[in-house]
């Protein structure tokens, strides 16, 4: 059996809030705490448009995505009807007030997904005017 990785203490996660766990590869994992001190872990990515679930509002055993208000189940990572889709769920447990995740899952689940890039340099074209790849070039982008 795998050794579980201690992430934080339960009280380090705000009630009705979350904490992000970064990984060497792939997107962060969001660890949520509800008002019953239940703790859940999901990939920090809404299945709809990739919104950061860690910035959503926790209620009961669900989180509302901050981008389009989709309701995602914390227990299974799936969108609630009428919406469809799921995000990756990570095994999580609490012992002696410590929140733990499975290190094998952290290293292997959804590691092919990269965080979305935002801001003025996100998606800036590197093509030249008239080039088929030219769209809009953002000024002042150090890359």
N, C-alpha and C. Protein backbone atom coordinates (compact mmCIF):
# COMPACT_ATOMS: atom_id res chain seq x y z
N UNK A 1 0.84 -1.19 0.00
CA UNK A 1 0.00 0.00 0.00
C UNK A 1 0.88 1.24 0.00
N UNK A 2 0.43 2.27 -0.69
CA UNK A 2 1.17 3.52 -0.81
C UNK A 2 1.13 4.31 0.49
N UNK A 3 2.20 5.04 0.73
CA UNK A 3 2.19 6.01 1.82
C UNK A 3 1.42 7.22 1.33
N UNK A 4 0.53 7.72 2.16
CA UNK A 4 -0.23 8.91 1.79
C UNK A 4 0.63 10.14 2.05
N UNK A 5 0.47 11.15 1.19
CA UNK A 5 1.25 12.39 1.31
C UNK A 5 0.45 13.42 2.09
N UNK A 6 1.02 13.91 3.19
CA UNK A 6 0.36 14.95 3.98
C UNK A 6 0.45 16.26 3.20
N UNK A 7 -0.70 16.89 3.03
CA UNK A 7 -0.80 18.13 2.27
C UNK A 7 -0.85 19.34 3.20
N UNK A 8 -1.69 19.24 4.23
CA UNK A 8 -1.88 20.34 5.18
C UNK A 8 -2.74 19.83 6.33
N UNK A 9 -3.08 20.70 7.22
CA UNK A 9 -4.03 20.38 8.28
C UNK A 9 -5.41 20.84 7.81
N UNK A 10 -6.45 20.22 8.33
CA UNK A 10 -7.82 20.58 7.93
C UNK A 10 -8.05 22.07 8.14
N UNK A 11 -7.60 22.60 9.27
CA UNK A 11 -7.85 24.02 9.56
C UNK A 11 -7.08 24.97 8.64
N UNK A 12 -6.14 24.44 7.84
CA UNK A 12 -5.43 25.27 6.86
C UNK A 12 -6.29 25.54 5.63
N UNK A 13 -7.36 24.79 5.48
CA UNK A 13 -8.30 25.00 4.36
C UNK A 13 -9.47 25.80 4.92
N UNK A 14 -9.78 26.95 4.33
CA UNK A 14 -10.91 27.73 4.84
C UNK A 14 -12.22 26.95 4.76
N UNK A 15 -13.08 27.12 5.74
CA UNK A 15 -14.42 26.51 5.69
C UNK A 15 -15.12 27.09 4.47
N UNK A 16 -15.73 26.22 3.69
CA UNK A 16 -16.40 26.57 2.43
C UNK A 16 -15.40 27.16 1.43
N UNK A 17 -14.17 26.70 1.51
CA UNK A 17 -13.13 27.19 0.62
C UNK A 17 -12.24 26.08 0.14
N UNK A 18 -11.07 26.47 -0.34
CA UNK A 18 -10.15 25.49 -0.91
C UNK A 18 -8.71 25.92 -0.73
N UNK A 19 -7.85 25.02 -1.10
CA UNK A 19 -6.41 25.24 -1.12
C UNK A 19 -5.89 24.50 -2.35
N UNK A 20 -4.93 25.10 -3.05
CA UNK A 20 -4.38 24.47 -4.24
C UNK A 20 -3.09 23.74 -3.91
N UNK A 21 -2.92 22.59 -4.55
CA UNK A 21 -1.71 21.80 -4.41
C UNK A 21 -1.06 21.75 -5.79
N UNK A 22 0.14 22.32 -5.91
CA UNK A 22 0.81 22.29 -7.21
C UNK A 22 1.54 20.97 -7.39
N UNK A 23 1.71 20.61 -8.65
CA UNK A 23 2.37 19.35 -8.99
C UNK A 23 3.47 19.65 -10.00
N UNK A 24 4.50 18.81 -10.05
CA UNK A 24 5.58 19.04 -11.02
C UNK A 24 5.11 18.97 -12.47
N UNK A 25 4.11 18.11 -12.75
CA UNK A 25 3.54 17.99 -14.08
C UNK A 25 2.03 18.10 -13.98
N UNK A 26 1.43 18.79 -14.94
CA UNK A 26 -0.02 18.89 -14.97
C UNK A 26 -0.54 20.04 -14.14
N UNK A 27 -1.83 20.14 -14.11
CA UNK A 27 -2.51 21.22 -13.40
C UNK A 27 -2.54 20.97 -11.90
N UNK A 28 -2.80 22.05 -11.16
CA UNK A 28 -2.92 21.96 -9.71
C UNK A 28 -4.12 21.10 -9.33
N UNK A 29 -4.09 20.62 -8.10
CA UNK A 29 -5.21 19.91 -7.50
C UNK A 29 -5.83 20.85 -6.47
N UNK A 30 -7.14 20.96 -6.46
CA UNK A 30 -7.83 21.79 -5.48
C UNK A 30 -8.36 20.89 -4.37
N UNK A 31 -8.07 21.26 -3.13
CA UNK A 31 -8.55 20.52 -1.96
C UNK A 31 -9.58 21.40 -1.28
N UNK A 32 -10.80 20.90 -1.16
CA UNK A 32 -11.93 21.67 -0.66
C UNK A 32 -12.34 21.21 0.74
N UNK A 33 -12.93 22.14 1.50
CA UNK A 33 -13.49 21.83 2.83
C UNK A 33 -14.88 22.43 2.89
N UNK A 34 -15.86 21.60 3.26
CA UNK A 34 -17.21 22.14 3.39
C UNK A 34 -17.50 22.50 4.85
N UNK A 35 -18.73 22.90 5.13
CA UNK A 35 -19.09 23.35 6.49
C UNK A 35 -19.23 22.20 7.48
N UNK A 36 -19.13 20.95 7.00
CA UNK A 36 -19.16 19.78 7.87
C UNK A 36 -17.75 19.22 8.09
N UNK A 37 -16.74 20.00 7.69
CA UNK A 37 -15.33 19.61 7.76
C UNK A 37 -15.01 18.38 6.91
N UNK A 38 -15.82 18.10 5.90
CA UNK A 38 -15.49 17.06 4.94
C UNK A 38 -14.49 17.65 3.95
N UNK A 39 -13.53 16.84 3.52
CA UNK A 39 -12.48 17.31 2.62
C UNK A 39 -12.52 16.48 1.33
N UNK A 40 -12.37 17.16 0.21
CA UNK A 40 -12.44 16.55 -1.11
C UNK A 40 -11.30 17.09 -1.97
N UNK A 41 -10.89 16.34 -2.98
CA UNK A 41 -9.84 16.81 -3.87
C UNK A 41 -10.22 16.55 -5.33
N UNK A 42 -10.11 17.60 -6.14
CA UNK A 42 -10.41 17.53 -7.57
C UNK A 42 -9.32 18.25 -8.35
N UNK A 43 -9.18 17.89 -9.62
CA UNK A 43 -8.33 18.68 -10.50
C UNK A 43 -8.91 20.09 -10.54
N UNK A 44 -8.07 21.09 -10.47
CA UNK A 44 -8.52 22.49 -10.41
C UNK A 44 -8.93 22.99 -11.80
N UNK A 45 -9.91 22.27 -12.38
CA UNK A 45 -10.33 22.58 -13.75
C UNK A 45 -11.78 22.16 -13.96
N UNK A 46 -12.62 23.12 -14.25
CA UNK A 46 -14.02 22.82 -14.54
C UNK A 46 -14.09 22.07 -15.87
N UNK A 47 -14.96 21.05 -15.97
CA UNK A 47 -15.06 20.30 -17.23
C UNK A 47 -15.69 21.12 -18.36
N UNK A 48 -16.28 22.26 -18.05
CA UNK A 48 -16.94 23.07 -19.07
C UNK A 48 -15.94 23.87 -19.89
N UNK A 49 -15.32 24.87 -19.29
CA UNK A 49 -14.37 25.73 -20.01
C UNK A 49 -13.03 25.83 -19.29
N UNK A 50 -12.79 24.94 -18.33
CA UNK A 50 -11.49 24.93 -17.67
C UNK A 50 -11.33 25.94 -16.55
N UNK A 51 -12.43 26.49 -16.05
CA UNK A 51 -12.34 27.47 -14.97
C UNK A 51 -11.69 26.91 -13.71
N UNK A 52 -11.07 27.76 -12.91
CA UNK A 52 -10.39 27.31 -11.69
C UNK A 52 -11.39 27.03 -10.57
N UNK A 53 -11.69 25.77 -10.34
CA UNK A 53 -12.67 25.40 -9.31
C UNK A 53 -12.25 25.87 -7.93
N UNK A 54 -10.95 26.01 -7.70
CA UNK A 54 -10.47 26.47 -6.38
C UNK A 54 -10.96 27.87 -6.06
N UNK A 55 -11.40 28.62 -7.05
CA UNK A 55 -11.91 29.96 -6.83
C UNK A 55 -13.44 29.99 -6.77
N UNK A 56 -14.05 28.82 -6.80
CA UNK A 56 -15.51 28.73 -6.77
C UNK A 56 -16.07 28.78 -5.36
N UNK A 57 -17.38 28.77 -5.28
CA UNK A 57 -18.10 28.81 -4.01
C UNK A 57 -18.50 27.39 -3.63
N UNK A 58 -18.07 26.96 -2.44
CA UNK A 58 -18.39 25.62 -1.93
C UNK A 58 -19.72 25.68 -1.19
N UNK A 59 -20.59 24.72 -1.47
CA UNK A 59 -21.87 24.60 -0.74
C UNK A 59 -22.22 23.13 -0.68
N UNK A 60 -22.51 22.64 0.52
CA UNK A 60 -22.80 21.22 0.70
C UNK A 60 -21.62 20.39 0.23
N UNK A 61 -21.88 19.49 -0.72
CA UNK A 61 -20.81 18.69 -1.30
C UNK A 61 -20.61 19.04 -2.77
N UNK A 62 -20.73 20.33 -3.07
CA UNK A 62 -20.58 20.83 -4.43
C UNK A 62 -19.76 22.12 -4.43
N UNK A 63 -19.28 22.47 -5.62
CA UNK A 63 -18.61 23.76 -5.82
C UNK A 63 -19.19 24.37 -7.09
N UNK A 64 -19.41 25.69 -7.06
CA UNK A 64 -19.89 26.40 -8.24
C UNK A 64 -18.69 26.99 -8.96
N UNK A 65 -18.52 26.65 -10.22
CA UNK A 65 -17.41 27.18 -11.00
C UNK A 65 -17.53 28.70 -11.08
N UNK A 66 -16.43 29.42 -10.88
CA UNK A 66 -16.50 30.88 -10.90
C UNK A 66 -16.73 31.49 -12.28
N UNK A 67 -16.53 30.72 -13.35
CA UNK A 67 -16.71 31.29 -14.69
C UNK A 67 -18.16 31.29 -15.16
N UNK A 68 -18.82 30.15 -15.06
CA UNK A 68 -20.18 30.05 -15.62
C UNK A 68 -21.17 29.41 -14.66
N UNK A 69 -20.78 29.30 -13.39
CA UNK A 69 -21.67 28.82 -12.33
C UNK A 69 -22.12 27.37 -12.49
N UNK A 70 -21.37 26.57 -13.20
CA UNK A 70 -21.69 25.14 -13.25
C UNK A 70 -21.49 24.57 -11.86
N UNK A 71 -22.35 23.65 -11.47
CA UNK A 71 -22.23 22.98 -10.19
C UNK A 71 -21.51 21.65 -10.39
N UNK A 72 -20.39 21.50 -9.67
CA UNK A 72 -19.56 20.29 -9.78
C UNK A 72 -19.59 19.57 -8.44
N UNK A 73 -19.89 18.28 -8.46
CA UNK A 73 -19.92 17.47 -7.24
C UNK A 73 -18.51 17.26 -6.70
N UNK A 74 -18.30 17.58 -5.45
CA UNK A 74 -17.00 17.38 -4.84
C UNK A 74 -16.71 15.90 -4.60
N UNK A 75 -17.77 15.11 -4.47
CA UNK A 75 -17.59 13.68 -4.18
C UNK A 75 -17.23 12.86 -5.42
N UNK A 76 -17.58 13.37 -6.63
CA UNK A 76 -17.30 12.59 -7.84
C UNK A 76 -16.69 13.40 -8.98
N UNK A 77 -16.64 14.73 -8.85
CA UNK A 77 -16.06 15.58 -9.88
C UNK A 77 -16.96 15.82 -11.08
N UNK A 78 -18.21 15.36 -11.01
CA UNK A 78 -19.11 15.47 -12.16
C UNK A 78 -20.05 16.66 -12.05
N UNK A 79 -20.33 17.25 -13.22
CA UNK A 79 -21.27 18.35 -13.29
C UNK A 79 -22.68 17.85 -12.98
N UNK A 80 -23.45 18.67 -12.33
CA UNK A 80 -24.83 18.32 -12.01
C UNK A 80 -25.74 18.70 -13.17
N UNK A 81 -26.76 17.90 -13.38
CA UNK A 81 -27.72 18.08 -14.45
C UNK A 81 -28.32 19.49 -14.39
N UNK A 82 -28.53 20.13 -15.49
CA UNK A 82 -28.54 19.62 -16.86
C UNK A 82 -27.15 19.62 -17.51
N UNK A 83 -26.14 20.14 -16.81
CA UNK A 83 -24.79 20.18 -17.39
C UNK A 83 -24.17 18.79 -17.38
N UNK A 84 -23.16 18.59 -18.23
CA UNK A 84 -22.52 17.28 -18.36
C UNK A 84 -21.01 17.43 -18.39
N UNK A 85 -20.33 16.41 -17.90
CA UNK A 85 -18.87 16.37 -17.93
C UNK A 85 -18.32 16.16 -16.53
N UNK A 86 -17.09 15.71 -16.44
CA UNK A 86 -16.46 15.45 -15.15
C UNK A 86 -15.03 15.96 -15.16
N UNK A 87 -14.54 16.29 -14.01
CA UNK A 87 -13.13 16.59 -13.82
C UNK A 87 -12.54 15.45 -12.98
N UNK A 88 -11.24 15.34 -12.96
CA UNK A 88 -10.59 14.24 -12.26
C UNK A 88 -10.73 14.39 -10.75
N UNK A 89 -11.10 13.29 -10.11
CA UNK A 89 -11.22 13.22 -8.65
C UNK A 89 -9.98 12.54 -8.11
N UNK A 90 -9.48 13.04 -6.97
CA UNK A 90 -8.32 12.45 -6.31
C UNK A 90 -8.74 11.88 -4.96
N UNK A 91 -8.18 10.72 -4.62
CA UNK A 91 -8.46 10.12 -3.32
C UNK A 91 -7.89 11.04 -2.24
N UNK A 92 -8.68 11.22 -1.20
CA UNK A 92 -8.31 12.14 -0.13
C UNK A 92 -8.76 11.53 1.19
N UNK A 93 -7.94 11.70 2.22
CA UNK A 93 -8.37 11.24 3.54
C UNK A 93 -7.81 12.16 4.60
N UNK A 94 -8.46 12.12 5.77
CA UNK A 94 -8.06 12.94 6.90
C UNK A 94 -7.81 12.02 8.08
N UNK A 95 -6.64 12.14 8.67
CA UNK A 95 -6.30 11.37 9.87
C UNK A 95 -5.60 12.30 10.85
N UNK A 96 -6.10 12.34 12.07
CA UNK A 96 -5.49 13.19 13.09
C UNK A 96 -5.45 14.65 12.70
N UNK A 97 -6.43 15.08 11.93
CA UNK A 97 -6.49 16.47 11.50
C UNK A 97 -5.62 16.80 10.30
N UNK A 98 -4.89 15.79 9.77
CA UNK A 98 -4.04 16.02 8.61
C UNK A 98 -4.74 15.55 7.33
N UNK A 99 -4.68 16.39 6.31
CA UNK A 99 -5.25 16.08 5.00
C UNK A 99 -4.17 15.39 4.17
N UNK A 100 -4.53 14.23 3.60
CA UNK A 100 -3.56 13.46 2.83
C UNK A 100 -4.12 13.09 1.46
N UNK A 101 -3.22 13.08 0.48
CA UNK A 101 -3.54 12.64 -0.88
C UNK A 101 -2.63 11.48 -1.25
N UNK A 102 -3.09 10.69 -2.21
CA UNK A 102 -2.33 9.55 -2.70
C UNK A 102 -1.23 10.06 -3.65
N UNK A 103 0.05 9.84 -3.31
CA UNK A 103 1.13 10.35 -4.16
C UNK A 103 1.18 9.73 -5.55
N UNK A 104 0.72 8.50 -5.69
CA UNK A 104 0.68 7.86 -7.01
C UNK A 104 -0.31 8.59 -7.90
N UNK A 105 -1.48 8.92 -7.35
CA UNK A 105 -2.47 9.68 -8.12
C UNK A 105 -1.95 11.07 -8.46
N UNK A 106 -1.31 11.73 -7.50
CA UNK A 106 -0.77 13.07 -7.76
C UNK A 106 0.23 13.04 -8.91
N UNK A 107 1.00 11.97 -9.00
CA UNK A 107 2.03 11.87 -10.03
C UNK A 107 1.52 11.35 -11.36
N UNK A 108 0.32 10.76 -11.37
CA UNK A 108 -0.11 10.10 -12.60
C UNK A 108 -1.43 10.58 -13.20
N UNK A 109 -2.36 11.05 -12.39
CA UNK A 109 -3.68 11.43 -12.93
C UNK A 109 -3.65 12.81 -13.59
N UNK A 110 -4.18 12.89 -14.79
CA UNK A 110 -4.37 14.15 -15.52
C UNK A 110 -3.09 14.97 -15.61
N UNK A 111 -1.97 14.32 -15.81
CA UNK A 111 -0.71 15.05 -15.90
C UNK A 111 -0.47 15.62 -17.30
N UNK A 112 -1.30 15.23 -18.26
CA UNK A 112 -1.15 15.74 -19.62
C UNK A 112 -1.83 17.08 -19.83
N UNK A 113 -2.60 17.54 -18.85
CA UNK A 113 -3.31 18.82 -18.98
C UNK A 113 -2.44 19.94 -18.42
N UNK A 114 -2.32 21.01 -19.17
CA UNK A 114 -1.56 22.17 -18.72
C UNK A 114 -2.52 23.27 -18.29
N UNK A 115 -2.11 24.09 -17.32
CA UNK A 115 -2.97 25.18 -16.89
C UNK A 115 -3.20 26.17 -18.03
N UNK A 116 -4.40 26.76 -18.07
CA UNK A 116 -4.66 27.76 -19.11
C UNK A 116 -3.79 28.98 -18.88
N UNK A 117 -3.43 29.64 -19.97
CA UNK A 117 -2.64 30.86 -19.88
C UNK A 117 -3.58 32.04 -20.04
N UNK A 118 -3.42 33.02 -19.18
CA UNK A 118 -4.27 34.21 -19.23
C UNK A 118 -3.40 35.45 -19.22
N UNK A 119 -3.98 36.56 -19.58
CA UNK A 119 -3.26 37.83 -19.55
C UNK A 119 -2.93 38.31 -20.94
N UNK A 120 -2.25 39.44 -21.02
CA UNK A 120 -2.01 40.06 -22.32
C UNK A 120 -1.07 39.26 -23.22
N UNK A 121 -0.25 38.38 -22.66
CA UNK A 121 0.68 37.60 -23.48
C UNK A 121 0.15 36.23 -23.83
N UNK A 122 -1.00 35.86 -23.28
CA UNK A 122 -1.56 34.53 -23.53
C UNK A 122 -1.97 34.41 -24.98
N UNK A 123 -1.45 33.42 -25.61
CA UNK A 123 -1.85 33.17 -26.99
C UNK A 123 -1.38 34.21 -27.98
N UNK A 124 -0.43 35.07 -27.58
CA UNK A 124 0.06 36.09 -28.49
C UNK A 124 0.70 35.42 -29.69
N UNK A 125 0.37 35.92 -30.86
CA UNK A 125 0.90 35.34 -32.08
C UNK A 125 2.38 35.65 -32.21
N UNK A 126 3.11 34.72 -32.77
CA UNK A 126 4.51 34.95 -33.07
C UNK A 126 4.69 35.12 -34.57
N UNK A 127 3.61 35.07 -35.33
CA UNK A 127 3.68 35.21 -36.78
C UNK A 127 3.85 36.66 -37.18
N UNK A 128 4.07 36.89 -38.46
CA UNK A 128 4.24 38.23 -38.99
C UNK A 128 2.96 38.64 -39.71
N UNK A 129 2.80 39.95 -39.91
CA UNK A 129 1.63 40.46 -40.62
C UNK A 129 1.58 39.78 -41.99
N UNK A 130 0.43 39.29 -42.35
CA UNK A 130 0.26 38.61 -43.62
C UNK A 130 0.52 37.11 -43.55
N UNK A 131 1.16 36.65 -42.48
CA UNK A 131 1.42 35.23 -42.27
C UNK A 131 0.11 34.56 -41.88
N UNK A 132 -0.06 33.30 -42.26
CA UNK A 132 -1.29 32.57 -41.94
C UNK A 132 -1.48 32.42 -40.43
N UNK A 133 -0.39 32.50 -39.65
CA UNK A 133 -0.52 32.35 -38.20
C UNK A 133 -0.73 33.68 -37.50
N UNK A 134 -0.68 34.79 -38.24
CA UNK A 134 -0.83 36.10 -37.60
C UNK A 134 -2.27 36.32 -37.17
N UNK A 135 -2.45 36.71 -35.94
CA UNK A 135 -3.77 37.06 -35.43
C UNK A 135 -3.65 38.47 -34.88
N UNK A 136 -3.37 38.58 -33.63
CA UNK A 136 -3.14 39.87 -32.98
C UNK A 136 -1.90 39.72 -32.14
N UNK A 137 -0.97 40.61 -32.29
CA UNK A 137 0.24 40.52 -31.48
C UNK A 137 0.08 41.45 -30.30
N UNK A 138 0.28 40.90 -29.09
CA UNK A 138 0.19 41.71 -27.89
C UNK A 138 1.52 42.43 -27.67
N UNK A 139 1.49 43.74 -27.46
CA UNK A 139 2.73 44.47 -27.25
C UNK A 139 3.29 44.21 -25.85
N UNK A 140 4.58 44.45 -25.70
CA UNK A 140 5.26 44.41 -24.41
C UNK A 140 5.22 43.03 -23.75
N UNK A 141 5.32 41.99 -24.52
CA UNK A 141 5.31 40.64 -23.96
C UNK A 141 6.72 40.07 -23.97
N UNK A 142 7.27 39.88 -22.80
CA UNK A 142 8.58 39.25 -22.70
C UNK A 142 8.37 37.74 -22.70
N UNK A 143 8.90 37.06 -23.68
CA UNK A 143 8.69 35.62 -23.75
C UNK A 143 9.96 34.87 -23.74
